[in-house]
Structures are given as C-alpha cells and as structure tokens.
Amino acid sequence: MRNRYLDLLRFLAIIRVVVYHVTGWATLTLVFPAMSVMFALAGSLMAASLDRSGPSAVGRRLRRLLPSLWVVAAIFVPAMLLAGGLPVSWRLALWLFPITDPPANGWGALALSVIWYLRDYLWFVLVSPAALWLFRRAPLPTLLTPYVLLVVVELGFPGAPVVLRDFGLYFGAWLLGFAHHDGMLRRLSRRVLVAVAGLLATAGGAWILTHPGARGYDLNDIRIGNALWAAAFILIALGFAPSGAAWVDRNALLGRAVTVFNRRALTVYLWHMPFVVALTPLVDVVGWSHQDLLGLAIRVVLVFLLVGVVTMLVGWVEDVAARRPPELLPGRRRTRTPGPVVVPSPRTAAAETRVAAATEATSSAGATPVRVS
C-alpha cells in the first residue's frame, strides 16, 4: 500500500519546481529543496524495487522512465531540426538514452533544460544495485562518499563533467532514500536526528551566506551549501515521516490532486519548462515584471493549465510504461460491478432446511450441534 505522506512530498516538490521556474524566487530553493527531495524519494522506491525484484528492477525502472522522454523527443527533435541549429549526428541517439545531455539548438536547450534530471536519474538507477550492496555493508562511508566527491570537485576541479558534479550533489540524497527504506532514519533517536540535521543545516547555511552565487542565495548556484542544506531537510522530512497520511484522502480534491501529480510526475516535469519559456515574452508584451505578483500568479496558472492539457493528451504514456490501464485522468474511483445473484436449486434449499431444523432440535435438547461439511 502506498504511503500517502511520500506521495504528498512528491506532489509538493513538483508544485515547488514549477512555481520556482516561473517566478525565479531563490527563497523557494531554501524553503523546500525540491530536487534533492525528489531524488531521496526515488532512492527509497528504488531500494524497495531492488528488494522485491533484484537487478531486474533496473530494467523496470528504465521502462517507466524513458517513454515519457521519447514522447518529448518525438515532438521537439523534429521541430529543432526544422528550425535549424541542431546538426544531424549520432548524438541524436542520446534522446533515446540520455547518459549525457542530448543535443539541442538555442531555444530547445532552454525549453528542455530539465532533461538533466532524467540524465542523473538514469545514472543513479544504473548504479543502484552496487550502491545498495555497498550501503548495507558500510552505510556511513558509502553515504559520505558523494559529499566528499562534491567538495573535491567543487574546490579542486570546477571544470569536471557535470554528471560527476551532480553525483556529488544529488546521489547523497538518493542514498538517504536508501536509509529511509531500510528504516535507519526511523531507528535513530529523535535527539540524534535533530542534532545531525541541525549541524548540517548550520554548516550549509554558513556556506550559503558566505558563498552567494550569481542569483544571490539561490541553492542551484551554491552546490556545497545546497547538498548540506538539502541533507538536513531530508533527514527531518523522512526521519519523522509517518507510516501514512490518510488525512490526504479525506479531502477529495486534495487526494485526487496528489494522485494525479504522482501518476503524471514525469509528464508535468518534462512539459512545464517549454511553457514557461513560451510564456516569458508576455513579460514584455503585457508589461509584467518579476515584481508584479498578479502577473506572476497569472503566468503560474497558465503554465499549470497548459501542462494539464498536455497531461490529458500524452500522460497516459506513463500508465502504459508502468503497465497500468491507461487513464485520461488518474485517480477516478471505480465502482464495483455487483456479482451475479446465485439462486439456490430446490434440492440445495431443501437440504439447508433439513440442516437448520436438525440444528435447532439438537440445540433445544441441550446437545452439541453436529458440524455439517
């Protein structure tokens, strides 16, 4: 049975990502480090899949991950080729299996910039069987490795490949998902959990304040601070996670929204950025600015509406990839079809009458009733 608390976290993370990309508010990255939370949740689910299915879970996870990307590629790659600026080469195959960033032209690189998440997710899935094996034999050294890697790369090799840098930034969150699945966070005393989270948050906050990026205190520009701050957030969010959150479904609208966003997470994530980019010219045409709260609110609503339309059109691909019956909009409660009414035959009815009569007579005589098989 799904843990609705984890579903709620993913729902909030996706909402935060979309709102951040529309508004550009750096504060949102501090209040809710959504990408690290999404990787932590994915790591927990990956560990569960490996326990259930073994190494074959890798193939199953890729089967659920890639088709939504292929839909995007089937639309945007031809568009970029026709628009120009995208050379035809073998690198186009990366749109089928993005172990590194697939090629794009100028506007495509911006509209499809969120592909990095699938690139990192793909790598994390591929290394998960070995990583889980190591984690369960040496939890702390394995967990510390990506953070040490991040510090070494950021301070000593700033030109390192982006995949390597992202391993340091986000794979620690993925491993914290392993710890959540294995119950390690739950077994820690609350005092220890809060103390460790407080230490990480203090170190991360100090780094953020003393190393502002190009956009100020936006965590996306401050990798070491991002990793430490997000780790503290995940420890609290998952370390104190309840076994469930039944209250989510007590409100029909909220429960349906959480279900839809979880079943269509990839579709929403992949398609929101093209609409953010497409609506950006409205800032100049209408005269809105990033300080215009009404204008920003309208853009957020428009992006969600457009994503909703696309989700209705192609979101069912996620159902097919997960081998679920395809649905236009997930979460609809199915009414059970009543089974056929069985009418007992006269012989069966007569037998039941004789048994009942015998039982009643025996009971009235004070004897123990005889079982009838």
Protein backbone atom coordinates (compact mmCIF):
# COMPACT_ATOMS: atom_id res chain seq x y z
CA MET A 1 0.00 0.00 0.00
CA ARG A 2 1.35 3.42 -0.99
CA ASN A 3 2.49 5.80 1.69
CA ARG A 4 0.44 8.92 1.05
CA TYR A 5 2.90 11.02 3.04
CA LEU A 6 5.60 10.27 0.45
CA ASP A 7 3.09 10.96 -2.31
CA LEU A 8 2.33 14.31 -0.67
CA LEU A 9 6.03 15.19 -0.52
CA ARG A 10 6.43 14.44 -4.23
CA PHE A 11 3.30 16.47 -5.02
CA LEU A 12 4.64 19.48 -3.10
CA ALA A 13 8.08 19.10 -4.70
CA ILE A 14 6.65 19.17 -8.23
CA ILE A 15 4.48 22.19 -7.44
CA ARG A 16 7.51 23.97 -5.99
CA VAL A 17 9.65 23.23 -9.06
CA VAL A 18 7.07 24.67 -11.45
CA VAL A 19 6.44 27.78 -9.35
CA TYR A 20 10.19 28.37 -9.00
CA HIS A 21 10.76 28.14 -12.75
CA VAL A 22 8.01 30.69 -13.37
CA THR A 23 8.93 33.15 -10.62
CA GLY A 24 12.66 32.62 -10.20
CA TRP A 25 12.30 33.20 -6.46
CA ALA A 26 15.52 31.99 -4.83
CA THR A 27 13.80 31.76 -1.44
CA LEU A 28 11.85 28.75 -2.67
CA THR A 29 15.05 26.73 -3.00
CA LEU A 30 15.78 27.34 0.68
CA VAL A 31 12.27 26.72 1.94
CA PHE A 32 11.90 23.45 0.01
CA PRO A 33 14.94 21.90 -1.75
CA ALA A 34 12.63 20.06 -4.11
CA MET A 35 15.08 18.31 -6.43
CA SER A 36 17.00 16.68 -3.59
CA VAL A 37 13.72 15.58 -2.01
CA MET A 38 12.62 14.03 -5.31
CA PHE A 39 15.90 12.13 -5.59
CA ALA A 40 15.58 10.92 -1.99
CA LEU A 41 12.05 9.64 -2.63
CA ALA A 42 13.23 7.97 -5.83
CA GLY A 43 16.12 6.33 -3.96
CA SER A 44 13.73 4.91 -1.36
CA LEU A 45 11.48 3.50 -4.08
CA MET A 46 14.49 2.10 -5.95
CA ALA A 47 15.69 0.26 -2.86
CA ALA A 48 12.21 -1.22 -2.43
CA SER A 49 12.19 -2.33 -6.06
CA LEU A 50 15.61 -3.97 -5.75
CA ASP A 51 14.49 -5.84 -2.63
CA ARG A 52 11.39 -7.01 -4.43
CA SER A 53 12.77 -7.85 -7.88
CA GLY A 54 16.57 -7.89 -7.65
CA PRO A 55 18.68 -6.44 -10.51
CA SER A 56 15.74 -6.73 -12.90
CA ALA A 57 14.35 -3.68 -11.10
CA VAL A 58 16.81 -1.59 -13.11
CA GLY A 59 15.16 -2.55 -16.38
CA ARG A 60 11.71 -1.97 -14.94
CA ARG A 61 12.65 1.46 -13.67
CA LEU A 62 14.12 2.43 -17.04
CA ARG A 63 10.98 1.15 -18.75
CA ARG A 64 8.94 3.56 -16.64
CA LEU A 65 11.38 6.44 -17.06
CA LEU A 66 12.17 6.61 -20.77
CA PRO A 67 8.86 6.51 -22.71
CA SER A 68 7.79 9.95 -21.46
CA LEU A 69 11.12 11.33 -22.67
CA TRP A 70 10.63 9.67 -26.06
CA VAL A 71 7.30 11.45 -26.46
CA VAL A 72 9.02 14.79 -25.83
CA ALA A 73 11.82 13.88 -28.24
CA ALA A 74 9.36 12.81 -30.96
CA ILE A 75 7.89 16.32 -30.91
CA PHE A 76 10.82 18.61 -30.15
CA VAL A 77 13.69 16.95 -32.06
CA PRO A 78 11.98 17.28 -35.46
CA ALA A 79 10.97 20.84 -34.52
CA MET A 80 14.57 21.73 -33.69
CA LEU A 81 15.84 20.10 -36.89
CA LEU A 82 13.35 22.09 -38.97
CA ALA A 83 14.12 25.32 -37.11
CA GLY A 84 17.86 24.88 -37.65
CA GLY A 85 20.76 24.98 -35.28
CA LEU A 86 20.66 21.26 -34.49
CA PRO A 87 23.12 19.22 -36.58
CA VAL A 88 22.28 15.66 -37.55
CA SER A 89 24.74 13.32 -35.85
CA TRP A 90 24.93 10.15 -33.78
CA ARG A 91 24.39 12.28 -30.68
CA LEU A 92 20.70 12.46 -31.50
CA ALA A 93 20.55 8.89 -30.15
CA LEU A 94 21.05 10.41 -26.70
CA TRP A 95 17.39 11.43 -26.85
CA LEU A 96 16.65 7.72 -26.56
CA PHE A 97 19.06 7.03 -23.70
CA PRO A 98 20.46 10.25 -22.19
CA ILE A 99 23.59 9.16 -20.36
CA THR A 100 24.76 12.72 -21.07
CA ASP A 101 22.92 15.82 -22.22
CA PRO A 102 21.27 15.22 -25.60
CA PRO A 103 21.92 17.87 -28.27
CA ALA A 104 19.57 20.82 -28.73
CA ASN A 105 19.52 24.14 -30.53
CA GLY A 106 19.33 27.51 -28.78
CA TRP A 107 15.67 27.72 -27.80
CA GLY A 108 15.45 23.94 -27.36
CA ALA A 109 18.34 23.92 -24.88
CA LEU A 110 16.39 26.35 -22.68
CA ALA A 111 12.93 24.79 -23.11
CA LEU A 112 14.27 21.27 -22.50
CA SER A 113 16.85 22.15 -19.85
CA VAL A 114 15.05 19.97 -17.30
CA ILE A 115 16.34 16.87 -19.11
CA TRP A 116 19.29 16.93 -16.70
CA TYR A 117 17.02 15.36 -14.08
CA LEU A 118 16.39 12.30 -16.25
CA ARG A 119 20.10 12.11 -17.07
CA ASP A 120 21.03 11.97 -13.39
CA TYR A 121 18.11 9.68 -12.56
CA LEU A 122 19.26 7.28 -15.27
CA TRP A 123 22.79 7.09 -13.85
CA PHE A 124 21.53 6.67 -10.29
CA VAL A 125 19.28 3.79 -11.34
CA LEU A 126 22.13 2.07 -13.20
CA VAL A 127 24.49 2.17 -10.20
CA SER A 128 21.83 1.41 -7.58
CA PRO A 129 22.33 -2.38 -7.32
CA ALA A 130 26.02 -1.94 -6.48
CA ALA A 131 25.38 1.14 -4.36
CA LEU A 132 22.71 -0.60 -2.27
CA TRP A 133 25.02 -3.58 -1.73
CA LEU A 134 27.79 -1.26 -0.52
CA PHE A 135 25.42 0.86 1.54
CA ARG A 136 24.15 -2.10 3.53
CA ARG A 137 27.68 -3.24 4.32
CA ALA A 138 29.20 0.16 5.10
CA PRO A 139 26.38 2.69 5.47
CA LEU A 140 28.25 5.72 6.74
CA PRO A 141 31.30 5.57 4.40
CA THR A 142 29.01 4.97 1.41
CA LEU A 143 26.76 7.88 2.41
CA LEU A 144 29.69 10.25 2.92
CA THR A 145 31.36 9.39 -0.41
CA PRO A 146 29.22 11.62 -2.69
CA TYR A 147 29.58 14.57 -0.31
CA VAL A 148 33.36 14.17 -0.23
CA LEU A 149 33.32 13.89 -4.02
CA LEU A 150 31.33 17.12 -4.25
CA VAL A 151 33.77 19.05 -2.07
CA VAL A 152 36.79 17.73 -4.00
CA VAL A 153 35.24 18.52 -7.39
CA GLU A 154 33.91 21.95 -6.43
CA LEU A 155 37.09 23.15 -4.75
CA GLY A 156 39.71 21.38 -6.85
CA PHE A 157 38.17 20.56 -10.26
CA PRO A 158 35.48 23.13 -11.09
CA GLY A 159 35.64 22.08 -14.76
CA ALA A 160 34.74 18.44 -14.03
CA PRO A 161 31.97 16.84 -16.11
CA VAL A 162 28.51 17.88 -14.98
CA VAL A 163 27.46 14.26 -14.43
CA LEU A 164 30.27 13.85 -11.91
CA ARG A 165 29.34 17.09 -10.17
CA ASP A 166 25.70 16.04 -9.96
CA PHE A 167 26.72 12.70 -8.46
CA GLY A 168 28.27 14.64 -5.62
CA LEU A 169 25.28 16.94 -5.26
CA TYR A 170 22.32 14.57 -5.59
CA PHE A 171 23.47 10.99 -5.07
CA GLY A 172 23.78 11.64 -1.35
CA ALA A 173 20.05 12.41 -1.33
CA TRP A 174 19.44 9.16 -3.24
CA LEU A 175 21.39 7.26 -0.56
CA LEU A 176 19.37 8.96 2.18
CA GLY A 177 16.39 7.42 0.39
CA PHE A 178 18.08 4.04 0.87
CA ALA A 179 18.44 4.84 4.58
CA HIS A 180 14.76 5.72 4.78
CA HIS A 181 13.70 2.49 3.09
CA ASP A 182 15.89 0.39 5.38
CA GLY A 183 14.47 2.08 8.48
CA MET A 184 17.80 3.56 9.54
CA LEU A 185 16.42 7.07 9.96
CA ARG A 186 13.46 5.78 11.95
CA ARG A 187 15.75 3.86 14.32
CA LEU A 188 17.78 6.96 15.17
CA SER A 189 16.67 8.69 18.33
CA ARG A 190 14.93 11.98 17.71
CA ARG A 191 17.62 13.79 19.64
CA VAL A 192 20.38 12.42 17.42
CA LEU A 193 18.35 13.02 14.25
CA VAL A 194 17.64 16.64 15.13
CA ALA A 195 21.23 17.21 16.23
CA VAL A 196 22.69 15.88 12.97
CA ALA A 197 20.15 17.80 10.89
CA GLY A 198 20.89 20.96 12.87
CA LEU A 199 24.63 20.55 12.35
CA LEU A 200 24.18 20.05 8.60
CA ALA A 201 21.78 22.98 8.31
CA THR A 202 24.17 25.24 10.22
CA ALA A 203 27.13 24.26 8.04
CA GLY A 204 25.05 24.55 4.89
CA GLY A 205 23.58 27.90 5.92
CA ALA A 206 27.01 29.30 6.75
CA TRP A 207 28.35 28.18 3.36
CA ILE A 208 25.36 29.69 1.57
CA LEU A 209 25.71 33.04 3.32
CA THR A 210 29.44 33.27 2.65
CA HIS A 211 29.33 31.93 -0.94
CA PRO A 212 26.41 33.62 -2.73
CA GLY A 213 26.03 32.74 -6.39
CA ALA A 214 25.13 34.72 -9.48
CA ARG A 215 21.49 34.85 -8.33
CA GLY A 216 22.24 35.56 -4.71
CA TYR A 217 21.21 32.81 -2.31
CA ASP A 218 19.70 30.52 -4.93
CA LEU A 219 20.79 26.99 -3.93
CA ASN A 220 21.14 25.96 -7.56
CA ASP A 221 24.23 28.17 -7.76
CA ILE A 222 25.77 27.04 -4.45
CA ARG A 223 26.35 23.30 -4.71
CA ILE A 224 28.09 22.55 -1.42
CA GLY A 225 25.60 24.64 0.55
CA ASN A 226 22.78 23.03 -1.43
CA ALA A 227 23.93 19.49 -0.57
CA LEU A 228 24.29 20.19 3.15
CA TRP A 229 21.04 22.15 3.48
CA ALA A 230 19.07 19.57 1.49
CA ALA A 231 20.51 16.69 3.54
CA ALA A 232 19.28 18.39 6.73
CA PHE A 233 15.84 18.91 5.18
CA ILE A 234 15.61 15.26 4.06
CA LEU A 235 16.65 13.96 7.48
CA ILE A 236 13.76 15.81 9.08
CA ALA A 237 11.22 15.18 6.30
CA LEU A 238 11.93 11.43 6.09
CA GLY A 239 13.28 10.80 9.57
CA PHE A 240 9.98 11.95 11.09
CA ALA A 241 7.88 10.52 8.27
CA PRO A 242 4.64 8.93 9.47
CA SER A 243 3.70 5.46 8.31
CA GLY A 244 0.91 7.02 6.30
CA ALA A 245 -1.17 10.14 5.80
CA ALA A 246 -4.76 9.00 5.48
CA TRP A 247 -5.93 12.57 6.02
CA VAL A 248 -4.75 13.41 2.50
CA ASP A 249 -7.68 11.46 1.04
CA ARG A 250 -10.26 12.85 3.43
CA ASN A 251 -10.41 15.87 1.17
CA ALA A 252 -11.45 14.51 -2.21
CA LEU A 253 -9.90 17.39 -4.18
CA LEU A 254 -6.52 17.19 -2.42
CA GLY A 255 -6.41 13.40 -2.63
CA ARG A 256 -7.17 13.47 -6.35
CA ALA A 257 -4.56 16.18 -6.99
CA VAL A 258 -1.87 14.23 -5.10
CA THR A 259 -2.73 11.09 -7.09
CA VAL A 260 -2.70 12.88 -10.44
CA PHE A 261 0.64 14.58 -9.84
CA ASN A 262 2.24 11.33 -8.67
CA ARG A 263 0.92 9.31 -11.61
CA ARG A 264 1.90 12.08 -14.04
CA ALA A 265 5.08 13.34 -12.36
CA LEU A 266 7.31 12.88 -15.41
CA THR A 267 4.83 14.44 -17.80
CA VAL A 268 4.39 17.52 -15.61
CA TYR A 269 8.12 17.84 -15.06
CA LEU A 270 9.13 17.45 -18.70
CA TRP A 271 6.48 19.70 -20.18
CA HIS A 272 6.27 22.62 -17.76
CA MET A 273 9.53 24.28 -18.83
CA PRO A 274 8.63 24.65 -22.53
CA PHE A 275 5.51 26.53 -21.47
CA VAL A 276 7.47 28.67 -19.01
CA VAL A 277 9.78 29.66 -21.87
CA ALA A 278 6.89 30.19 -24.30
CA LEU A 279 5.05 32.49 -21.89
CA THR A 280 8.11 34.55 -20.96
CA PRO A 281 7.56 37.06 -23.83
CA LEU A 282 4.33 38.04 -22.08
CA VAL A 283 6.51 39.93 -19.62
CA ASP A 284 7.47 42.37 -22.38
CA VAL A 285 4.17 42.39 -24.24
CA VAL A 286 1.93 42.95 -21.23
CA GLY A 287 4.45 44.88 -19.20
CA TRP A 288 4.69 42.45 -16.30
CA SER A 289 7.84 42.15 -14.25
CA HIS A 290 9.08 39.62 -11.74
CA GLN A 291 7.95 42.04 -9.03
CA ASP A 292 4.39 42.04 -10.38
CA LEU A 293 2.68 39.49 -8.15
CA LEU A 294 -0.52 39.45 -10.19
CA GLY A 295 1.39 38.89 -13.41
CA LEU A 296 3.41 36.08 -11.86
CA ALA A 297 0.28 34.46 -10.47
CA ILE A 298 -1.37 34.57 -13.91
CA ARG A 299 1.71 33.01 -15.52
CA VAL A 300 1.78 30.23 -12.90
CA VAL A 301 -1.89 29.45 -13.53
CA LEU A 302 -1.38 29.50 -17.31
CA VAL A 303 1.58 27.13 -17.10
CA PHE A 304 -0.38 24.67 -14.98
CA LEU A 305 -3.38 24.89 -17.33
CA LEU A 306 -1.23 24.21 -20.40
CA VAL A 307 0.57 21.37 -18.65
CA GLY A 308 -2.83 19.99 -17.71
CA VAL A 309 -3.88 19.95 -21.36
CA VAL A 310 -0.71 18.11 -22.40
CA THR A 311 -1.11 15.71 -19.49
CA MET A 312 -4.57 14.82 -20.74
CA LEU A 313 -3.16 14.22 -24.23
CA VAL A 314 0.03 12.23 -23.55
CA GLY A 315 0.10 11.50 -19.82
CA TRP A 316 -1.36 8.05 -20.41
CA VAL A 317 2.10 7.03 -21.67
CA GLU A 318 3.14 6.82 -18.01
CA ASP A 319 0.33 4.33 -17.42
CA VAL A 320 1.45 2.17 -20.33
CA ALA A 321 5.07 2.36 -19.17
CA ALA A 322 4.00 1.22 -15.69
CA ARG A 323 1.77 -1.48 -17.18
CA ARG A 324 -1.35 0.07 -15.76
CA PRO A 325 -4.60 0.51 -17.68
CA PRO A 326 -4.26 3.88 -19.43
CA GLU A 327 -6.39 6.66 -17.97
CA LEU A 328 -7.19 10.13 -19.20
CA LEU A 329 -7.03 11.46 -15.65
CA PRO A 330 -5.81 9.16 -12.85
CA GLY A 331 -7.44 8.69 -9.51
CA ARG A 332 -11.02 8.09 -10.52
CA ARG A 333 -12.74 5.82 -8.06
CA ARG A 334 -14.04 2.75 -9.81
CA THR A 335 -17.42 1.43 -8.80
CA ARG A 336 -17.51 -2.27 -8.23
CA THR A 337 -19.73 -4.25 -10.56
CA PRO A 338 -22.11 -6.36 -8.49
CA GLY A 339 -21.64 -10.07 -8.95
CA PRO A 340 -24.34 -12.36 -10.29
CA VAL A 341 -27.13 -13.32 -7.90
CA VAL A 342 -26.94 -17.04 -7.12
CA VAL A 343 -30.34 -18.67 -6.77
CA PRO A 344 -30.10 -21.99 -4.87
CA SER A 345 -31.58 -25.01 -6.56
CA PRO A 346 -34.64 -26.66 -4.94
CA ARG A 347 -32.50 -29.62 -3.81
CA THR A 348 -29.95 -27.30 -2.13
CA ALA A 349 -32.68 -25.27 -0.44
CA ALA A 350 -34.35 -28.42 0.89
CA ALA A 351 -31.04 -29.69 2.27
CA GLU A 352 -30.37 -26.39 4.03
CA THR A 353 -33.84 -26.50 5.59
CA ARG A 354 -33.24 -30.02 6.97
CA VAL A 355 -29.85 -28.98 8.41
CA ALA A 356 -31.38 -25.93 10.10
CA ALA A 357 -34.18 -27.98 11.57
CA ALA A 358 -31.80 -30.62 12.89
CA THR A 359 -29.57 -27.97 14.42
CA GLU A 360 -32.49 -26.25 16.14
CA ALA A 361 -33.79 -29.56 17.55
CA THR A 362 -30.38 -30.55 18.83
CA SER A 363 -29.80 -27.17 20.45
CA SER A 364 -33.15 -27.25 22.23
CA ALA A 365 -32.31 -30.70 23.62
CA GLY A 366 -29.07 -29.34 25.15
CA ALA A 367 -26.80 -31.47 22.94
CA THR A 368 -23.82 -30.22 20.98
CA PRO A 369 -24.74 -29.43 17.37
CA VAL A 370 -23.20 -31.62 14.72
CA ARG A 371 -20.98 -29.85 12.13
CA VAL A 372 -22.15 -30.31 8.58
CA SER A 373 -19.37 -30.12 5.98
